[in-house]
Every structure is written in structure tokens, then in C-alpha cells.
Amino acid sequence: MQIPDFIGRKMDYPEMKRFLEHVDACANCREELVIQFLIQEGMARLEDGDAFDLQRELQAHLEEARRRIRIYEGVLQVGTLFEVLTMAGVMGIVIWILR
């Protein structure tokens, strides 16, 4: 299952995007994510003796993942724009040379 990888921040962009899309649409998986997060993070906090708000931490974890996806998608869009501009420039040069 992918939940431990998500909690452990071990997913790359495509995996994380698919995972979040699925968790947003699947109530059963969302519930399983909450349960596993509460168990894993709760046990770690109890061992450390730290105070914690696991619901808030899970929401922060999900928002961080969504922010990373938005940044990655923005970088992809900028890269695509540069590719299009480069190709237009090359085509312009070829046309200019062939005149």
C-alpha cells in the first residue's frame, strides 16, 4: 500500500499526485490514511513525550504535498514554454537561412 510511503515522504511527484487524487476521491483510503497517520505519528510522539495535534499535522502534511505538486507542475509548464519558444526560434532561424 502507498500510505506508508506518503507518510514517510518517499513518493516522487507522479506517485504523490495519483495518491492524493485517489485519497481525495476514496473515503475508505482517506480513512485508512488518517488511521495509519495517527498510529505512526502518535506512537512516535508518545515515545518522545511531545505534545501533538495529529489531525492538524495530517492536514499540514497533505497541504505540503499539494504545494509540492503545484510547484512541480509550474516548473513543468515553464519548461514546456521554453521548449515551445526554442522551437519557434529554431524554426525562425531555419526559415531566415532558407530565404
PDB file of N, CA and C in Angstrom:
ATOM      1  N   MET A   1       0.848  -1.188   0.000  1.00  0.00           N
ATOM      2  CA  MET A   1       0.000   0.000   0.000  1.00  0.00           C
ATOM      3  C   MET A   1       0.886   1.241   0.000  1.00  0.00           C
ATOM      4  N   GLN A   2       0.405   2.333  -0.522  1.00  0.00           N
ATOM      5  CA  GLN A   2       1.198   3.539  -0.672  1.00  0.00           C
ATOM      6  C   GLN A   2       1.151   4.468   0.537  1.00  0.00           C
ATOM      7  N   ILE A   3       0.277   4.236   1.462  1.00  0.00           N
ATOM      8  CA  ILE A   3       0.125   5.143   2.604  1.00  0.00           C
ATOM      9  C   ILE A   3       1.425   5.294   3.389  1.00  0.00           C
ATOM     10  N   PRO A   4       2.127   4.217   3.739  1.00  0.00           N
ATOM     11  CA  PRO A   4       3.396   4.395   4.468  1.00  0.00           C
ATOM     12  C   PRO A   4       4.417   5.236   3.696  1.00  0.00           C
ATOM     13  N   ASP A   5       4.467   5.072   2.376  1.00  0.00           N
ATOM     14  CA  ASP A   5       5.383   5.884   1.572  1.00  0.00           C
ATOM     15  C   ASP A   5       4.983   7.356   1.604  1.00  0.00           C
ATOM     16  N   PHE A   6       3.679   7.626   1.580  1.00  0.00           N
ATOM     17  CA  PHE A   6       3.219   9.015   1.651  1.00  0.00           C
ATOM     18  C   PHE A   6       3.563   9.618   3.008  1.00  0.00           C
ATOM     19  N   ILE A   7       3.262   8.897   4.067  1.00  0.00           N
ATOM     20  CA  ILE A   7       3.547   9.402   5.409  1.00  0.00           C
ATOM     21  C   ILE A   7       5.046   9.627   5.580  1.00  0.00           C
ATOM     22  N   GLY A   8       5.854   8.712   5.041  1.00  0.00           N
ATOM     23  CA  GLY A   8       7.301   8.816   5.160  1.00  0.00           C
ATOM     24  C   GLY A   8       7.949   9.734   4.141  1.00  0.00           C
ATOM     25  N   ARG A   9       7.127  10.410   3.326  1.00  0.00           N
ATOM     26  CA  ARG A   9       7.623  11.339   2.295  1.00  0.00           C
ATOM     27  C   ARG A   9       8.590  10.650   1.335  1.00  0.00           C
ATOM     28  N   LYS A  10       8.214   9.462   0.892  1.00  0.00           N
ATOM     29  CA  LYS A  10       9.056   8.667   0.000  1.00  0.00           C
ATOM     30  C   LYS A  10       8.490   8.560  -1.408  1.00  0.00           C
ATOM     31  N   MET A  11       7.545   9.430  -1.763  1.00  0.00           N
ATOM     32  CA  MET A  11       6.918   9.364  -3.084  1.00  0.00           C
ATOM     33  C   MET A  11       7.510  10.425  -3.997  1.00  0.00           C
ATOM     34  N   ASP A  12       7.652  10.065  -5.268  1.00  0.00           N
ATOM     35  CA  ASP A  12       8.030  11.078  -6.250  1.00  0.00           C
ATOM     36  C   ASP A  12       6.749  11.799  -6.703  1.00  0.00           C
ATOM     37  N   TYR A  13       6.926  12.804  -7.556  1.00  0.00           N
ATOM     38  CA  TYR A  13       5.793  13.634  -7.975  1.00  0.00           C
ATOM     39  C   TYR A  13       4.639  12.841  -8.583  1.00  0.00           C
ATOM     40  N   PRO A  14       4.882  11.997  -9.597  1.00  0.00           N
ATOM     41  CA  PRO A  14       3.726  11.303 -10.199  1.00  0.00           C
ATOM     42  C   PRO A  14       2.993  10.400  -9.206  1.00  0.00           C
ATOM     43  N   GLU A  15       3.745   9.699  -8.360  1.00  0.00           N
ATOM     44  CA  GLU A  15       3.104   8.841  -7.363  1.00  0.00           C
ATOM     45  C   GLU A  15       2.274   9.666  -6.390  1.00  0.00           C
ATOM     46  N   MET A  16       2.845  10.771  -5.909  1.00  0.00           N
ATOM     47  CA  MET A  16       2.152  11.606  -4.943  1.00  0.00           C
ATOM     48  C   MET A  16       0.883  12.207  -5.546  1.00  0.00           C
ATOM     49  N   LYS A  17       0.960  12.634  -6.788  1.00  0.00           N
ATOM     50  CA  LYS A  17      -0.212  13.219  -7.434  1.00  0.00           C
ATOM     51  C   LYS A  17      -1.331  12.183  -7.558  1.00  0.00           C
ATOM     52  N   ARG A  18      -0.989  10.991  -8.044  1.00  0.00           N
ATOM     53  CA  ARG A  18      -2.002   9.926  -8.165  1.00  0.00           C
ATOM     54  C   ARG A  18      -2.561   9.557  -6.785  1.00  0.00           C
ATOM     55  N   PHE A  19      -1.682   9.473  -5.793  1.00  0.00           N
ATOM     56  CA  PHE A  19      -2.106   9.110  -4.445  1.00  0.00           C
ATOM     57  C   PHE A  19      -3.098  10.139  -3.900  1.00  0.00           C
ATOM     58  N   LEU A  20      -2.761  11.423  -4.000  1.00  0.00           N
ATOM     59  CA  LEU A  20      -3.648  12.459  -3.471  1.00  0.00           C
ATOM     60  C   LEU A  20      -4.974  12.498  -4.214  1.00  0.00           C
ATOM     61  N   GLU A  21      -4.936  12.340  -5.518  1.00  0.00           N
ATOM     62  CA  GLU A  21      -6.180  12.313  -6.289  1.00  0.00           C
ATOM     63  C   GLU A  21      -7.064  11.157  -5.825  1.00  0.00           C
ATOM     64  N   HIS A  22      -6.437  10.002  -5.588  1.00  0.00           N
ATOM     65  CA  HIS A  22      -7.209   8.841  -5.146  1.00  0.00           C
ATOM     66  C   HIS A  22      -7.753   9.049  -3.728  1.00  0.00           C
ATOM     67  N   VAL A  23      -6.908   9.514  -2.827  1.00  0.00           N
ATOM     68  CA  VAL A  23      -7.331   9.711  -1.437  1.00  0.00           C
ATOM     69  C   VAL A  23      -8.448  10.754  -1.355  1.00  0.00           C
ATOM     70  N   ASP A  24      -8.377  11.784  -2.187  1.00  0.00           N
ATOM     71  CA  ASP A  24      -9.437  12.795  -2.196  1.00  0.00           C
ATOM     72  C   ASP A  24     -10.771  12.211  -2.664  1.00  0.00           C
ATOM     73  N   ALA A  25     -10.717  11.198  -3.529  1.00  0.00           N
ATOM     74  CA  ALA A  25     -11.941  10.624  -4.093  1.00  0.00           C
ATOM     75  C   ALA A  25     -12.431   9.376  -3.361  1.00  0.00           C
ATOM     76  N   CYS A  26     -11.576   8.746  -2.568  1.00  0.00           N
ATOM     77  CA  CYS A  26     -11.919   7.463  -1.941  1.00  0.00           C
ATOM     78  C   CYS A  26     -11.977   7.606  -0.420  1.00  0.00           C
ATOM     79  N   ALA A  27     -13.174   7.565   0.109  1.00  0.00           N
ATOM     80  CA  ALA A  27     -13.369   7.742   1.549  1.00  0.00           C
ATOM     81  C   ALA A  27     -12.680   6.637   2.357  1.00  0.00           C
ATOM     82  N   ASN A  28     -12.697   5.406   1.843  1.00  0.00           N
ATOM     83  CA  ASN A  28     -12.065   4.305   2.569  1.00  0.00           C
ATOM     84  C   ASN A  28     -10.557   4.505   2.694  1.00  0.00           C
ATOM     85  N   CYS A  29      -9.931   4.915   1.609  1.00  0.00           N
ATOM     86  CA  CYS A  29      -8.480   5.139   1.643  1.00  0.00           C
ATOM     87  C   CYS A  29      -8.135   6.354   2.491  1.00  0.00           C
ATOM     88  N   ARG A  30      -8.982   7.382   2.431  1.00  0.00           N
ATOM     89  CA  ARG A  30      -8.765   8.573   3.265  1.00  0.00           C
ATOM     90  C   ARG A  30      -8.826   8.175   4.738  1.00  0.00           C
ATOM     91  N   GLU A  31      -9.805   7.342   5.095  1.00  0.00           N
ATOM     92  CA  GLU A  31      -9.926   6.885   6.476  1.00  0.00           C
ATOM     93  C   GLU A  31      -8.705   6.058   6.877  1.00  0.00           C
ATOM     94  N   GLU A  32      -8.240   5.201   5.989  1.00  0.00           N
ATOM     95  CA  GLU A  32      -7.052   4.389   6.271  1.00  0.00           C
ATOM     96  C   GLU A  32      -5.817   5.274   6.441  1.00  0.00           C
ATOM     97  N   LEU A  33      -5.717   6.326   5.634  1.00  0.00           N
ATOM     98  CA  LEU A  33      -4.609   7.275   5.777  1.00  0.00           C
ATOM     99  C   LEU A  33      -4.642   7.920   7.156  1.00  0.00           C
ATOM    100  N   VAL A  34      -5.809   8.368   7.579  1.00  0.00           N
ATOM    101  CA  VAL A  34      -5.943   9.000   8.893  1.00  0.00           C
ATOM    102  C   VAL A  34      -5.535   8.020   9.984  1.00  0.00           C
ATOM    103  N   ILE A  35      -6.017   6.795   9.906  1.00  0.00           N
ATOM    104  CA  ILE A  35      -5.712   5.792  10.923  1.00  0.00           C
ATOM    105  C   ILE A  35      -4.210   5.514  10.975  1.00  0.00           C
ATOM    106  N   GLN A  36      -3.602   5.253   9.817  1.00  0.00           N
ATOM    107  CA  GLN A  36      -2.175   4.942   9.810  1.00  0.00           C
ATOM    108  C   GLN A  36      -1.331   6.135  10.257  1.00  0.00           C
ATOM    109  N   PHE A  37      -1.736   7.348   9.883  1.00  0.00           N
ATOM    110  CA  PHE A  37      -1.004   8.535  10.311  1.00  0.00           C
ATOM    111  C   PHE A  37      -1.100   8.683  11.826  1.00  0.00           C
ATOM    112  N   LEU A  38      -2.310   8.525  12.358  1.00  0.00           N
ATOM    113  CA  LEU A  38      -2.497   8.646  13.804  1.00  0.00           C
ATOM    114  C   LEU A  38      -1.666   7.617  14.560  1.00  0.00           C
ATOM    115  N   ILE A  39      -1.647   6.395  14.060  1.00  0.00           N
ATOM    116  CA  ILE A  39      -0.881   5.342  14.733  1.00  0.00           C
ATOM    117  C   ILE A  39       0.613   5.618  14.639  1.00  0.00           C
ATOM    118  N   GLN A  40       1.106   5.849  13.421  1.00  0.00           N
ATOM    119  CA  GLN A  40       2.549   6.014  13.233  1.00  0.00           C
ATOM    120  C   GLN A  40       3.069   7.267  13.937  1.00  0.00           C
ATOM    121  N   GLU A  41       2.448   8.389  13.666  1.00  0.00           N
ATOM    122  CA  GLU A  41       2.917   9.639  14.247  1.00  0.00           C
ATOM    123  C   GLU A  41       2.592   9.721  15.743  1.00  0.00           C
ATOM    124  N   GLY A  42       1.436   9.203  16.122  1.00  0.00           N
ATOM    125  CA  GLY A  42       1.057   9.212  17.535  1.00  0.00           C
ATOM    126  C   GLY A  42       2.010   8.404  18.384  1.00  0.00           C
ATOM    127  N   MET A  43       2.393   7.237  17.910  1.00  0.00           N
ATOM    128  CA  MET A  43       3.341   6.403  18.655  1.00  0.00           C
ATOM    129  C   MET A  43       4.693   7.107  18.787  1.00  0.00           C
ATOM    130  N   ALA A  44       5.131   7.737  17.699  1.00  0.00           N
ATOM    131  CA  ALA A  44       6.416   8.448  17.744  1.00  0.00           C
ATOM    132  C   ALA A  44       6.356   9.588  18.759  1.00  0.00           C
ATOM    133  N   ARG A  45       5.244  10.320  18.806  1.00  0.00           N
ATOM    134  CA  ARG A  45       5.111  11.445  19.743  1.00  0.00           C
ATOM    135  C   ARG A  45       5.033  10.957  21.178  1.00  0.00           C
ATOM    136  N   LEU A  46       4.337   9.848  21.382  1.00  0.00           N
ATOM    137  CA  LEU A  46       4.244   9.310  22.740  1.00  0.00           C
ATOM    138  C   LEU A  46       5.612   8.882  23.253  1.00  0.00           C
ATOM    139  N   GLU A  47       6.397   8.268  22.371  1.00  0.00           N
ATOM    140  CA  GLU A  47       7.738   7.849  22.762  1.00  0.00           C
ATOM    141  C   GLU A  47       8.625   9.047  23.089  1.00  0.00           C
ATOM    142  N   ASP A  48       8.441  10.146  22.334  1.00  0.00           N
ATOM    143  CA  ASP A  48       9.236  11.349  22.560  1.00  0.00           C
ATOM    144  C   ASP A  48       8.702  12.178  23.721  1.00  0.00           C
ATOM    145  N   GLY A  49       7.467  11.942  24.095  1.00  0.00           N
ATOM    146  CA  GLY A  49       6.850  12.720  25.159  1.00  0.00           C
ATOM    147  C   GLY A  49       6.390  14.095  24.703  1.00  0.00           C
ATOM    148  N   ASP A  50       6.315  14.306  23.402  1.00  0.00           N
ATOM    149  CA  ASP A  50       5.914  15.608  22.868  1.00  0.00           C
ATOM    150  C   ASP A  50       4.392  15.762  22.885  1.00  0.00           C
ATOM    151  N   ALA A  51       3.945  17.008  22.964  1.00  0.00           N
ATOM    152  CA  ALA A  51       2.528  17.312  22.789  1.00  0.00           C
ATOM    153  C   ALA A  51       2.262  17.319  21.284  1.00  0.00           C
ATOM    154  N   PHE A  52       1.030  16.978  20.893  1.00  0.00           N
ATOM    155  CA  PHE A  52       0.764  16.896  19.464  1.00  0.00           C
ATOM    156  C   PHE A  52      -0.711  17.072  19.149  1.00  0.00           C
ATOM    157  N   ASP A  53      -0.972  17.504  17.926  1.00  0.00           N
ATOM    158  CA  ASP A  53      -2.313  17.605  17.348  1.00  0.00           C
ATOM    159  C   ASP A  53      -2.235  16.901  15.995  1.00  0.00           C
ATOM    160  N   LEU A  54      -2.500  15.597  15.995  1.00  0.00           N
ATOM    161  CA  LEU A  54      -2.266  14.783  14.801  1.00  0.00           C
ATOM    162  C   LEU A  54      -3.187  15.127  13.642  1.00  0.00           C
ATOM    163  N   GLN A  55      -4.403  15.540  13.927  1.00  0.00           N
ATOM    164  CA  GLN A  55      -5.295  15.930  12.832  1.00  0.00           C
ATOM    165  C   GLN A  55      -4.718  17.145  12.099  1.00  0.00           C
ATOM    166  N   ARG A  56      -4.232  18.114  12.863  1.00  0.00           N
ATOM    167  CA  ARG A  56      -3.631  19.303  12.259  1.00  0.00           C
ATOM    168  C   ARG A  56      -2.364  18.931  11.509  1.00  0.00           C
ATOM    169  N   GLU A  57      -1.568  18.029  12.075  1.00  0.00           N
ATOM    170  CA  GLU A  57      -0.332  17.600  11.413  1.00  0.00           C
ATOM    171  C   GLU A  57      -0.615  16.859  10.108  1.00  0.00           C
ATOM    172  N   LEU A  58      -1.652  16.029  10.088  1.00  0.00           N
ATOM    173  CA  LEU A  58      -2.010  15.333   8.850  1.00  0.00           C
ATOM    174  C   LEU A  58      -2.455  16.344   7.795  1.00  0.00           C
ATOM    175  N   GLN A  59      -3.262  17.320   8.192  1.00  0.00           N
ATOM    176  CA  GLN A  59      -3.688  18.348   7.238  1.00  0.00           C
ATOM    177  C   GLN A  59      -2.485  19.121   6.700  1.00  0.00           C
ATOM    178  N   ALA A  60      -1.531  19.424   7.574  1.00  0.00           N
ATOM    179  CA  ALA A  60      -0.320  20.129   7.131  1.00  0.00           C
ATOM    180  C   ALA A  60       0.477  19.260   6.168  1.00  0.00           C
ATOM    181  N   HIS A  61       0.552  17.968   6.442  1.00  0.00           N
ATOM    182  CA  HIS A  61       1.272  17.034   5.569  1.00  0.00           C
ATOM    183  C   HIS A  61       0.613  16.977   4.187  1.00  0.00           C
ATOM    184  N   LEU A  62      -0.713  16.906   4.154  1.00  0.00           N
ATOM    185  CA  LEU A  62      -1.444  16.882   2.887  1.00  0.00           C
ATOM    186  C   LEU A  62      -1.264  18.197   2.125  1.00  0.00           C
ATOM    187  N   GLU A  63      -1.338  19.323   2.833  1.00  0.00           N
ATOM    188  CA  GLU A  63      -1.159  20.618   2.177  1.00  0.00           C
ATOM    189  C   GLU A  63       0.258  20.777   1.636  1.00  0.00           C
ATOM    190  N   GLU A  64       1.239  20.293   2.368  1.00  0.00           N
ATOM    191  CA  GLU A  64       2.622  20.347   1.882  1.00  0.00           C
ATOM    192  C   GLU A  64       2.758  19.545   0.589  1.00  0.00           C
ATOM    193  N   ALA A  65       2.146  18.374   0.545  1.00  0.00           N
ATOM    194  CA  ALA A  65       2.206  17.541  -0.662  1.00  0.00           C
ATOM    195  C   ALA A  65       1.525  18.246  -1.830  1.00  0.00           C
ATOM    196  N   ARG A  66       0.387  18.861  -1.574  1.00  0.00           N
ATOM    197  CA  ARG A  66      -0.318  19.580  -2.643  1.00  0.00           C
ATOM    198  C   ARG A  66       0.500  20.788  -3.125  1.00  0.00           C
ATOM    199  N   ARG A  67       1.164  21.473  -2.211  1.00  0.00           N
ATOM    200  CA  ARG A  67       2.008  22.612  -2.577  1.00  0.00           C
ATOM    201  C   ARG A  67       3.170  22.148  -3.444  1.00  0.00           C
ATOM    202  N   ARG A  68       3.782  21.026  -3.077  1.00  0.00           N
ATOM    203  CA  ARG A  68       4.883  20.484  -3.870  1.00  0.00           C
ATOM    204  C   ARG A  68       4.422  20.116  -5.274  1.00  0.00           C
ATOM    205  N   ILE A  69       3.216  19.575  -5.386  1.00  0.00           N
ATOM    206  CA  ILE A  69       2.670  19.225  -6.700  1.00  0.00           C
ATOM    207  C   ILE A  69       2.454  20.493  -7.524  1.00  0.00           C
ATOM    208  N   ARG A  70       1.886  21.545  -6.909  1.00  0.00           N
ATOM    209  CA  ARG A  70       1.677  22.802  -7.645  1.00  0.00           C
ATOM    210  C   ARG A  70       3.006  23.372  -8.126  1.00  0.00           C
ATOM    211  N   ILE A  71       4.027  23.344  -7.300  1.00  0.00           N
ATOM    212  CA  ILE A  71       5.342  23.853  -7.695  1.00  0.00           C
ATOM    213  C   ILE A  71       5.893  23.026  -8.852  1.00  0.00           C
ATOM    214  N   TYR A  72       5.823  21.714  -8.743  1.00  0.00           N
ATOM    215  CA  TYR A  72       6.338  20.834  -9.788  1.00  0.00           C
ATOM    216  C   TYR A  72       5.609  21.081 -11.110  1.00  0.00           C
ATOM    217  N   GLU A  73       4.288  21.211 -11.037  1.00  0.00           N
ATOM    218  CA  GLU A  73       3.518  21.453 -12.251  1.00  0.00           C
ATOM    219  C   GLU A  73       3.862  22.814 -12.848  1.00  0.00           C
ATOM    220  N   GLY A  74       4.113  23.804 -12.019  1.00  0.00           N
ATOM    221  CA  GLY A  74       4.535  25.111 -12.508  1.00  0.00           C
ATOM    222  C   GLY A  74       5.864  25.029 -13.232  1.00  0.00           C
ATOM    223  N   VAL A  75       6.798  24.275 -12.661  1.00  0.00           N
ATOM    224  CA  VAL A  75       8.104  24.091 -13.305  1.00  0.00           C
ATOM    225  C   VAL A  75       7.934  23.389 -14.651  1.00  0.00           C
ATOM    226  N   LEU A  76       7.061  22.394 -14.706  1.00  0.00           N
ATOM    227  CA  LEU A  76       6.800  21.702 -15.971  1.00  0.00           C
ATOM    228  C   LEU A  76       6.222  22.658 -17.012  1.00  0.00           C
ATOM    229  N   GLN A  77       5.321  23.516 -16.598  1.00  0.00           N
ATOM    230  CA  GLN A  77       4.723  24.465 -17.541  1.00  0.00           C
ATOM    231  C   GLN A  77       5.755  25.453 -18.064  1.00  0.00           C
ATOM    232  N   VAL A  78       6.624  25.948 -17.181  1.00  0.00           N
ATOM    233  CA  VAL A  78       7.680  26.868 -17.614  1.00  0.00           C
ATOM    234  C   VAL A  78       8.622  26.148 -18.582  1.00  0.00           C
ATOM    235  N   GLY A  79       8.969  24.899 -18.265  1.00  0.00           N
ATOM    236  CA  GLY A  79       9.825  24.118 -19.158  1.00  0.00           C
ATOM    237  C   GLY A  79       9.194  23.924 -20.522  1.00  0.00           C
ATOM    238  N   THR A  80       7.915  23.644 -20.536  1.00  0.00           N
ATOM    239  CA  THR A  80       7.200  23.475 -21.801  1.00  0.00           C
ATOM    240  C   THR A  80       7.193  24.782 -22.595  1.00  0.00           C
ATOM    241  N   LEU A  81       6.981  25.887 -21.902  1.00  0.00           N
ATOM    242  CA  LEU A  81       7.007  27.187 -22.573  1.00  0.00           C
ATOM    243  C   LEU A  81       8.376  27.444 -23.210  1.00  0.00           C
ATOM    244  N   PHE A  82       9.452  27.155 -22.477  1.00  0.00           N
ATOM    245  CA  PHE A  82      10.795  27.346 -23.027  1.00  0.00           C
ATOM    246  C   PHE A  82      11.035  26.438 -24.234  1.00  0.00           C
ATOM    247  N   GLU A  83      10.522  25.221 -24.189  1.00  0.00           N
ATOM    248  CA  GLU A  83      10.668  24.323 -25.337  1.00  0.00           C
ATOM    249  C   GLU A  83       9.963  24.892 -26.571  1.00  0.00           C
ATOM    250  N   VAL A  84       8.753  25.400 -26.383  1.00  0.00           N
ATOM    251  CA  VAL A  84       7.995  25.967 -27.496  1.00  0.00           C
ATOM    252  C   VAL A  84       8.716  27.189 -28.057  1.00  0.00           C
ATOM    253  N   LEU A  85       9.199  28.054 -27.166  1.00  0.00           N
ATOM    254  CA  LEU A  85       9.923  29.249 -27.619  1.00  0.00           C
ATOM    255  C   LEU A  85      11.210  28.882 -28.344  1.00  0.00           C
ATOM    256  N   THR A  86      11.903  27.872 -27.854  1.00  0.00           N
ATOM    257  CA  THR A  86      13.133  27.425 -28.509  1.00  0.00           C
ATOM    258  C   THR A  86      12.831  26.892 -29.899  1.00  0.00           C
ATOM    259  N   MET A  87      11.804  26.067 -30.005  1.00  0.00           N
ATOM    260  CA  MET A  87      11.437  25.523 -31.319  1.00  0.00           C
ATOM    261  C   MET A  87      11.015  26.641 -32.278  1.00  0.00           C
ATOM    262  N   ALA A  88      10.284  27.629 -31.783  1.00  0.00           N
ATOM    263  CA  ALA A  88       9.883  28.750 -32.631  1.00  0.00           C
ATOM    264  C   ALA A  88      11.112  29.519 -33.098  1.00  0.00           C
ATOM    265  N   GLY A  89      12.074  29.692 -32.195  1.00  0.00           N
ATOM    266  CA  GLY A  89      13.313  30.373 -32.564  1.00  0.00           C
ATOM    267  C   GLY A  89      14.097  29.605 -33.606  1.00  0.00           C
ATOM    268  N   VAL A  90      14.207  28.298 -33.424  1.00  0.00           N
ATOM    269  CA  VAL A  90      14.922  27.456 -34.387  1.00  0.00           C
ATOM    270  C   VAL A  90      14.221  27.504 -35.737  1.00  0.00           C
ATOM    271  N   MET A  91      12.903  27.403 -35.729  1.00  0.00           N
ATOM    272  CA  MET A  91      12.156  27.461 -36.989  1.00  0.00           C
ATOM    273  C   MET A  91      12.354  28.808 -37.669  1.00  0.00           C
ATOM    274  N   GLY A  92      12.373  29.885 -36.893  1.00  0.00           N
ATOM    275  CA  GLY A  92      12.599  31.201 -37.445  1.00  0.00           C
ATOM    276  C   GLY A  92      13.975  31.315 -38.088  1.00  0.00           C
ATOM    277  N   ILE A  93      14.980  30.755 -37.431  1.00  0.00           N
ATOM    278  CA  ILE A  93      16.340  30.778 -37.965  1.00  0.00           C
ATOM    279  C   ILE A  93      16.423  29.971 -39.259  1.00  0.00           C
ATOM    280  N   VAL A  94      15.813  28.787 -39.280  1.00  0.00           N
ATOM    281  CA  VAL A  94      15.825  27.937 -40.476  1.00  0.00           C
ATOM    282  C   VAL A  94      15.143  28.648 -41.628  1.00  0.00           C
ATOM    283  N   ILE A  95      13.997  29.260 -41.372  1.00  0.00           N
ATOM    284  CA  ILE A  95      13.281  29.982 -42.419  1.00  0.00           C
ATOM    285  C   ILE A  95      14.144  31.151 -42.930  1.00  0.00           C
ATOM    286  N   TRP A  96      14.772  31.865 -42.018  1.00  0.00           N
ATOM    287  CA  TRP A  96      15.614  33.009 -42.389  1.00  0.00           C
ATOM    288  C   TRP A  96      16.791  32.543 -43.249  1.00  0.00           C
ATOM    289  N   ILE A  97      17.401  31.396 -42.883  1.00  0.00           N
ATOM    290  CA  ILE A  97      18.545  30.859 -43.642  1.00  0.00           C
ATOM    291  C   ILE A  97      18.100  30.396 -45.031  1.00  0.00           C
ATOM    292  N   LEU A  98      16.934  29.784 -45.126  1.00  0.00           N
ATOM    293  CA  LEU A  98      16.465  29.242 -46.404  1.00  0.00           C
ATOM    294  C   LEU A  98      15.936  30.307 -47.350  1.00  0.00           C
ATOM    295  N   ARG A  99      15.806  31.482 -46.939  1.00  0.00           N
ATOM    296  CA  ARG A  99      15.291  32.546 -47.820  1.00  0.00           C
ATOM    297  C   ARG A  99      16.252  32.841 -48.867  1.00  0.00           C
TER     298      ARG A  99
END
